[in-house]
């Protein structure tokens, strides 16, 4: 069964709403407006049908596979952006009282998001790196500030331009903080330092494998081919091909055989899978760790990392 980037069918719902927020809020208003522009403008409904078809086809197509990444949905976002932009433009044509009600709803939703995100950060604070926790807190604070500021500048419903400018400026700050958070969270996904440390303990003829996952940075930073061990991701169907034999170790039994053969063998493994590998002979030596990954090697003379050893035993 595929376990690489495995998500349920709801995945892109969350990605689209979170990734297009706060502009997504105005998409329903834009869609309603396009659906009602009929008299004298027969092309508007056709435009709306085209935009909906554009979005739904891409959304549905990438929701079917279990393996999903957030970037897969990017081709659908221009259609959503056009509808949302029409909704924002509609604010200039609405009665002030209706615009004010929309702003109250917008502020309330953003404040609820900020409260929910704060609870989530507090609940996971032990698992988040300190720098990433600070970045997340700043983003939550900006979302709350955006809600309050957007309502204040357009509380009478007569200044939609000032509201849109407030949202744009706030989102620039959010994107800057999110970019920093990406760097602070890099060790959870790039494993550059782990790979570099592992490379110092490898020599010609060593096999480097990733257990049940594909760690893309390993070949780049170590200079060694990465063998996928007991891999169950989207590349798994190619594992039986003779041409791919050097890149796949298709079972735990094959991995254990190679591990005990005397050939130098390094294995990158998720911390949660360490228990499965404790019975390897010879005993694994933890030589590097970063984020959720630990690098093990079957050489008894390898230089162990004390911190990583504590996690591996």
Protein backbone atom coordinates (compact mmCIF):
# COMPACT_ATOMS: atom_id res chain seq x y z
CA UNK A 1 0.00 0.00 0.00
CA UNK A 2 1.27 3.49 -0.81
CA UNK A 3 2.50 5.32 2.29
CA UNK A 4 4.52 8.12 0.69
CA UNK A 5 2.66 11.43 1.09
CA UNK A 6 -0.51 9.47 1.78
CA UNK A 7 -3.57 11.63 2.51
CA UNK A 8 -7.31 11.21 2.42
CA UNK A 9 -9.68 12.79 -0.15
CA UNK A 10 -10.19 15.80 2.14
CA UNK A 11 -6.53 16.88 1.78
CA UNK A 12 -6.94 19.45 -0.99
CA UNK A 13 -9.98 21.00 0.67
CA UNK A 14 -7.75 22.07 3.54
CA UNK A 15 -4.88 23.03 1.20
CA UNK A 16 -7.08 25.23 -1.01
CA UNK A 17 -8.79 27.03 1.86
CA UNK A 18 -5.61 27.56 3.88
CA UNK A 19 -3.42 28.30 0.87
CA UNK A 20 -5.81 30.83 -0.67
CA UNK A 21 -6.84 32.52 2.58
CA UNK A 22 -7.94 35.29 3.10
CA UNK A 23 -8.86 35.73 -0.57
CA UNK A 24 -10.82 32.46 -0.57
CA UNK A 25 -13.39 34.11 1.71
CA UNK A 26 -14.55 36.29 -1.20
CA UNK A 27 -14.86 33.45 -3.74
CA UNK A 28 -18.49 32.53 -2.84
CA UNK A 29 -19.50 36.19 -3.25
CA UNK A 30 -17.77 36.28 -6.64
CA UNK A 31 -19.44 33.06 -7.78
CA UNK A 32 -22.90 34.29 -6.75
CA UNK A 33 -22.32 37.56 -8.57
CA UNK A 34 -21.25 35.82 -11.80
CA UNK A 35 -24.22 33.45 -11.64
CA UNK A 36 -26.65 36.38 -11.42
CA UNK A 37 -25.16 38.51 -14.18
CA UNK A 38 -27.48 37.25 -16.85
CA UNK A 39 -29.58 40.03 -18.30
CA UNK A 40 -27.64 41.88 -20.95
CA UNK A 41 -24.48 39.93 -20.17
CA UNK A 42 -25.08 36.31 -21.24
CA UNK A 43 -21.38 35.52 -21.21
CA UNK A 44 -20.97 35.76 -17.44
CA UNK A 45 -22.60 32.42 -16.64
CA UNK A 46 -20.49 30.77 -19.33
CA UNK A 47 -17.42 32.32 -17.72
CA UNK A 48 -18.45 30.95 -14.34
CA UNK A 49 -19.07 27.46 -15.76
CA UNK A 50 -15.65 27.52 -17.40
CA UNK A 51 -13.92 28.61 -14.17
CA UNK A 52 -15.77 25.99 -12.11
CA UNK A 53 -14.91 23.27 -14.66
CA UNK A 54 -11.27 24.41 -14.67
CA UNK A 55 -11.05 24.18 -10.89
CA UNK A 56 -13.11 21.00 -10.35
CA UNK A 57 -11.35 18.88 -12.99
CA UNK A 58 -7.90 19.56 -11.50
CA UNK A 59 -9.18 19.26 -7.92
CA UNK A 60 -10.93 15.94 -8.58
CA UNK A 61 -8.09 14.47 -10.65
CA UNK A 62 -5.44 15.01 -7.96
CA UNK A 63 -7.78 14.02 -5.12
CA UNK A 64 -8.18 10.47 -6.45
CA UNK A 65 -4.62 9.16 -5.78
CA UNK A 66 -3.67 8.56 -2.15
CA UNK A 67 -0.24 10.19 -2.64
CA UNK A 68 -0.71 13.95 -2.55
CA UNK A 69 1.43 17.08 -2.24
CA UNK A 70 0.03 20.57 -1.75
CA UNK A 71 1.75 21.86 -4.90
CA UNK A 72 -0.31 19.52 -7.11
CA UNK A 73 -3.32 21.82 -6.79
CA UNK A 74 -1.52 24.96 -8.01
CA UNK A 75 -2.89 24.79 -11.60
CA UNK A 76 -6.43 25.11 -10.19
CA UNK A 77 -5.78 28.27 -8.18
CA UNK A 78 -5.88 30.82 -11.05
CA UNK A 79 -9.55 29.93 -11.63
CA UNK A 80 -10.30 30.36 -7.93
CA UNK A 81 -8.37 33.64 -7.88
CA UNK A 82 -10.46 35.08 -10.72
CA UNK A 83 -13.70 34.26 -8.89
CA UNK A 84 -12.36 35.65 -5.59
CA UNK A 85 -11.18 38.84 -7.31
CA UNK A 86 -14.68 39.32 -8.74
CA UNK A 87 -16.08 38.93 -5.22
CA UNK A 88 -13.75 41.61 -3.88
CA UNK A 89 -14.68 43.91 -6.76
CA UNK A 90 -18.33 43.36 -5.87
CA UNK A 91 -17.71 44.99 -2.46
CA UNK A 92 -17.56 48.40 -4.16
CA UNK A 93 -21.10 47.91 -5.52
CA UNK A 94 -22.87 46.59 -2.43
CA UNK A 95 -24.85 48.62 0.05
CA UNK A 96 -22.75 49.69 3.01
CA UNK A 97 -24.84 47.69 5.48
CA UNK A 98 -24.33 44.48 3.55
CA UNK A 99 -20.61 45.16 3.21
CA UNK A 100 -20.46 45.77 6.96
CA UNK A 101 -22.10 42.40 7.65
CA UNK A 102 -19.59 40.71 5.36
CA UNK A 103 -16.74 42.39 7.25
CA UNK A 104 -18.15 41.27 10.60
CA UNK A 105 -18.30 37.68 9.33
CA UNK A 106 -14.77 37.95 7.93
CA UNK A 107 -13.37 39.29 11.21
CA UNK A 108 -15.19 36.64 13.26
CA UNK A 109 -13.95 33.76 11.09
CA UNK A 110 -10.35 35.00 11.23
CA UNK A 111 -10.49 35.39 15.00
CA UNK A 112 -11.84 31.84 15.33
CA UNK A 113 -9.01 30.61 13.08
CA UNK A 114 -6.48 32.43 15.27
CA UNK A 115 -7.95 30.91 18.44
CA UNK A 116 -7.99 27.39 16.96
CA UNK A 117 -4.42 27.78 15.71
CA UNK A 118 -3.29 28.99 19.13
CA UNK A 119 -4.81 25.91 20.76
CA UNK A 120 -3.08 23.69 18.17
CA UNK A 121 0.30 25.34 18.81
CA UNK A 122 -0.08 24.90 22.56
CA UNK A 123 -1.09 21.26 22.11
CA UNK A 124 1.93 20.47 19.89
CA UNK A 125 4.50 22.79 21.45
CA UNK A 126 6.66 19.89 22.66
CA UNK A 127 6.95 18.50 19.12
CA UNK A 128 7.66 21.79 17.34
CA UNK A 129 11.21 23.18 17.11
CA UNK A 130 11.41 26.42 19.19
CA UNK A 131 12.09 28.66 16.17
CA UNK A 132 9.20 27.13 14.24
CA UNK A 133 6.92 27.59 17.25
CA UNK A 134 7.79 31.30 17.34
CA UNK A 135 7.14 31.66 13.61
CA UNK A 136 3.76 29.95 13.94
CA UNK A 137 2.83 32.23 16.84
CA UNK A 138 3.72 35.32 14.81
CA UNK A 139 1.59 34.14 11.88
CA UNK A 140 -1.35 33.51 14.22
CA UNK A 141 -0.92 36.98 15.69
CA UNK A 142 -0.90 38.50 12.20
CA UNK A 143 -4.11 36.67 11.28
CA UNK A 144 -5.81 38.04 14.40
CA UNK A 145 -4.45 41.54 13.70
CA UNK A 146 -5.66 41.29 10.09
CA UNK A 147 -9.18 40.46 11.26
CA UNK A 148 -9.32 43.41 13.63
CA UNK A 149 -7.61 45.91 11.29
CA UNK A 150 -9.73 44.96 8.26
CA UNK A 151 -12.91 45.45 10.27
CA UNK A 152 -11.77 48.78 11.73
CA UNK A 153 -10.82 50.36 8.39
CA UNK A 154 -14.09 49.26 6.76
CA UNK A 155 -16.44 49.08 9.73
CA UNK A 156 -18.93 51.40 8.03
CA UNK A 157 -18.83 49.35 4.84
CA UNK A 158 -17.75 52.34 2.75
CA UNK A 159 -13.99 51.78 2.41
CA UNK A 160 -13.43 48.41 0.71
CA UNK A 161 -10.24 49.72 -0.91
CA UNK A 162 -8.66 50.38 2.50
CA UNK A 163 -9.72 46.91 3.63
CA UNK A 164 -8.16 45.21 0.58
CA UNK A 165 -4.93 47.19 1.12
CA UNK A 166 -4.89 46.10 4.76
CA UNK A 167 -5.26 42.47 3.76
CA UNK A 168 -2.50 42.75 1.15
CA UNK A 169 -0.03 44.36 3.54
CA UNK A 170 -0.78 41.83 6.26
CA UNK A 171 -0.33 38.92 3.86
CA UNK A 172 3.07 40.28 2.79
CA UNK A 173 4.12 40.03 6.45
CA UNK A 174 2.58 36.56 6.73
CA UNK A 175 4.44 35.34 3.64
CA UNK A 176 7.72 36.74 4.96
CA UNK A 177 7.23 34.93 8.26
CA UNK A 178 6.12 31.76 6.47
CA UNK A 179 9.30 31.86 4.37
CA UNK A 180 11.36 32.05 7.55
CA UNK A 181 9.30 29.21 9.05
CA UNK A 182 10.12 27.09 6.01
CA UNK A 183 13.82 27.60 6.69
CA UNK A 184 13.38 26.95 10.42
CA UNK A 185 11.47 23.76 9.64
CA UNK A 186 13.97 22.69 6.99
CA UNK A 187 15.59 19.98 9.13
CA UNK A 188 12.22 18.21 9.26
CA UNK A 189 12.28 17.69 5.49
CA UNK A 190 15.72 18.36 3.96
CA UNK A 191 18.09 16.41 6.25
CA UNK A 192 21.11 18.23 4.84
CA UNK A 193 23.16 18.06 8.03
CA UNK A 194 22.31 14.40 8.57
CA UNK A 195 23.47 13.56 5.06
CA UNK A 196 26.69 15.52 5.40
CA UNK A 197 27.55 13.86 8.69
CA UNK A 198 26.75 10.43 7.28
CA UNK A 199 28.97 11.09 4.24
CA UNK A 200 32.03 11.40 6.50
CA UNK A 201 31.58 7.77 7.57
CA UNK A 202 31.05 6.23 4.14
CA UNK A 203 33.64 4.77 1.80
CA UNK A 204 33.70 3.29 -1.68
CA UNK A 205 31.41 0.28 -1.89
CA UNK A 206 28.99 1.40 0.84
CA UNK A 207 25.27 1.02 0.19
CA UNK A 208 23.02 3.85 1.39
CA UNK A 209 19.32 3.10 1.82
CA UNK A 210 16.18 4.91 3.00
CA UNK A 211 13.78 2.72 4.93
CA UNK A 212 10.17 2.92 3.66
CA UNK A 213 10.62 6.50 2.42
CA UNK A 214 12.45 8.45 -0.27
CA UNK A 215 14.79 11.10 1.20
CA UNK A 216 15.54 13.22 -1.87
CA UNK A 217 18.48 15.11 -0.35
CA UNK A 218 20.56 12.00 0.47
CA UNK A 219 22.15 11.46 -2.98
CA UNK A 220 22.85 15.19 -3.40
CA UNK A 221 24.64 15.69 -0.08
CA UNK A 222 26.33 12.29 0.27
CA UNK A 223 27.27 11.65 -3.35
CA UNK A 224 25.91 8.09 -3.01
CA UNK A 225 22.98 6.46 -4.80
CA UNK A 226 19.96 6.06 -2.55
CA UNK A 227 18.41 2.59 -2.43
CA UNK A 228 14.73 2.53 -1.47
CA UNK A 229 14.25 -0.13 1.20
CA UNK A 230 10.83 -1.79 1.65
CA UNK A 231 9.48 1.22 -0.20
CA UNK A 232 5.71 1.55 -0.63
CA UNK A 233 5.42 4.90 -2.37
CA UNK A 234 4.64 5.94 -5.92
CA UNK A 235 7.93 4.54 -7.26
CA UNK A 236 7.34 1.05 -5.84
CA UNK A 237 5.94 -0.46 -9.10
CA UNK A 238 9.36 0.09 -10.70
CA UNK A 239 11.19 -1.87 -8.00
CA UNK A 240 10.99 -5.20 -9.83
CA UNK A 241 12.59 -3.89 -13.00
CA UNK A 242 16.12 -5.27 -13.64
CA UNK A 243 17.29 -1.77 -14.55
CA UNK A 244 16.21 -0.50 -11.13
CA UNK A 245 17.82 -3.28 -9.07
CA UNK A 246 20.51 -0.96 -7.64
CA UNK A 247 17.87 1.51 -6.47
CA UNK A 248 15.52 -0.86 -4.63
CA UNK A 249 15.79 -3.34 -1.77
CA UNK A 250 12.28 -4.67 -1.94
CA UNK A 251 11.79 -6.39 1.42
CA UNK A 252 12.87 -6.36 5.04
CA UNK A 253 14.37 -9.83 4.54
CA UNK A 254 16.55 -8.60 1.67
CA UNK A 255 17.58 -5.59 3.77
CA UNK A 256 18.51 -7.82 6.73
CA UNK A 257 20.53 -10.09 4.46
CA UNK A 258 22.54 -7.20 3.09
CA UNK A 259 22.95 -5.71 6.58
CA UNK A 260 24.52 -8.91 7.93
CA UNK A 261 26.59 -9.65 4.80
CA UNK A 262 29.60 -7.66 5.95
CA UNK A 263 29.23 -5.03 3.22
CA UNK A 264 29.10 -1.43 4.48
CA UNK A 265 25.40 -0.51 4.68
CA UNK A 266 23.92 2.76 5.96
CA UNK A 267 20.18 3.13 6.52
CA UNK A 268 18.16 6.34 7.01
CA UNK A 269 15.06 5.61 9.03
CA UNK A 270 12.19 7.48 10.68
CA UNK A 271 12.42 7.50 14.47
CA UNK A 272 9.02 5.79 14.67
CA UNK A 273 10.44 2.80 12.73
CA UNK A 274 13.52 2.33 14.91
CA UNK A 275 11.82 -0.41 16.92
CA UNK A 276 11.53 -2.59 13.81
CA UNK A 277 15.31 -2.45 13.27
CA UNK A 278 16.58 -3.09 16.81
CA UNK A 279 17.07 -6.80 16.08
CA UNK A 280 19.48 -6.19 13.19
CA UNK A 281 22.78 -8.07 13.44
CA UNK A 282 25.30 -6.54 13.79
CA UNK A 283 23.67 -3.96 16.05
CA UNK A 284 23.02 -0.64 14.29
CA UNK A 285 25.25 2.31 15.15
CA UNK A 286 23.46 5.68 15.05
CA UNK A 287 25.87 8.09 13.39
CA UNK A 288 23.67 11.09 12.59
CA UNK A 289 20.18 12.38 13.25
CA UNK A 290 18.11 15.37 12.21
CA UNK A 291 14.42 16.09 12.57
CA UNK A 292 12.53 12.80 12.49
CA UNK A 293 15.33 10.85 10.76
CA UNK A 294 18.21 8.80 12.14
CA UNK A 295 21.13 7.43 10.09
CA UNK A 296 22.24 3.92 11.11
CA UNK A 297 25.28 1.99 9.88
CA UNK A 298 26.36 -1.64 10.27
CA UNK A 299 30.04 -0.89 10.98
CA UNK A 300 31.01 -1.51 14.60
CA UNK A 301 33.99 0.85 14.19
CA UNK A 302 31.77 3.74 13.10
CA UNK A 303 31.82 6.95 15.12
CA UNK A 304 28.51 7.01 17.01
CA UNK A 305 26.65 10.20 17.85
CA UNK A 306 25.73 10.04 21.53
CA UNK A 307 22.49 11.99 21.10
CA UNK A 308 21.39 9.86 18.16
CA UNK A 309 22.38 6.66 19.97
CA UNK A 310 20.07 7.60 22.81
CA UNK A 311 17.20 7.88 20.33
CA UNK A 312 18.07 4.64 18.57
CA UNK A 313 18.15 2.39 21.65
